[in-house]
Amino acid sequence: MIELPHRDLPAEPDPVEGCDVCSALANQRAAAQGAGDASRVADCNVEMRRHPHPNRRRKR
């Protein structure tokens, strides 16, 4: 039997208020969650984390 280590997933990023890109990604993520598409949910989270905002520090 192979036992893999348990890894906690990072918290989902919050969309930045007033950012159309973040808002669209949050909507896509919600739709993907509703459809059970965990891969798309993860993709949206990655895109949201990487989306630049000049006056915002990234949470890691």
Protein backbone atom coordinates (compact mmCIF):
# COMPACT_ATOMS: atom_id res chain seq x y z
CA MET A 1 0.00 0.00 0.00
CA ILE A 2 1.31 3.43 -0.94
CA GLU A 3 0.46 6.27 1.39
CA LEU A 4 0.66 9.81 0.04
CA PRO A 5 1.15 12.78 2.34
CA HIS A 6 -1.90 14.92 3.01
CA ARG A 7 -1.51 18.41 1.65
CA ASP A 8 -3.79 21.23 2.60
CA LEU A 9 -4.90 23.26 -0.36
CA PRO A 10 -4.38 27.03 -0.08
CA ALA A 11 -7.47 29.09 0.55
CA GLU A 12 -9.25 30.30 -2.54
CA PRO A 13 -8.24 33.85 -3.41
CA ASP A 14 -10.79 36.61 -2.97
CA PRO A 15 -11.54 38.75 -6.02
CA VAL A 16 -10.27 42.33 -5.77
CA GLU A 17 -13.18 44.73 -5.46
CA GLY A 18 -13.79 46.69 -8.65
CA CYS A 19 -11.63 44.43 -10.85
CA ASP A 20 -13.57 43.10 -13.84
CA VAL A 21 -11.05 40.29 -14.44
CA CYS A 22 -11.29 39.06 -10.84
CA SER A 23 -15.07 39.28 -10.96
CA ALA A 24 -15.22 37.22 -14.16
CA LEU A 25 -12.84 34.61 -12.72
CA ALA A 26 -14.89 34.39 -9.52
CA ASN A 27 -18.04 33.81 -11.59
CA GLN A 28 -16.31 31.15 -13.70
CA ARG A 29 -15.01 29.49 -10.53
CA ALA A 30 -18.50 29.42 -9.00
CA ALA A 31 -19.93 27.86 -12.17
CA ALA A 32 -17.15 25.27 -12.21
CA GLN A 33 -17.78 24.44 -8.55
CA GLY A 34 -21.46 23.97 -9.33
CA ALA A 35 -20.60 21.65 -12.20
CA GLY A 36 -18.13 19.67 -10.08
CA ASP A 37 -15.20 20.68 -12.33
CA ALA A 38 -12.36 20.78 -9.78
CA SER A 39 -9.75 21.25 -12.52
CA ARG A 40 -11.41 24.45 -13.78
CA VAL A 41 -11.84 25.68 -10.19
CA ALA A 42 -8.09 25.27 -9.66
CA ASP A 43 -7.35 27.02 -12.97
CA CYS A 44 -9.49 30.00 -11.97
CA ASN A 45 -7.75 30.19 -8.59
CA VAL A 46 -4.32 30.20 -10.25
CA GLU A 47 -5.36 32.88 -12.73
CA MET A 48 -6.81 35.02 -9.95
CA ARG A 49 -3.63 34.72 -7.86
CA ARG A 50 -1.43 35.65 -10.82
CA HIS A 51 -3.59 38.54 -12.03
CA PRO A 52 -1.64 41.73 -11.21
CA HIS A 53 -2.96 44.59 -9.12
CA PRO A 54 -0.52 47.48 -8.64
CA ASN A 55 -1.30 48.28 -4.99
CA ARG A 56 -1.97 44.78 -3.69
CA ARG A 57 0.34 42.34 -1.97
CA ARG A 58 -0.19 38.71 -2.93
CA LYS A 59 -1.38 36.22 -0.34
CA ARG A 60 0.48 32.95 -0.47
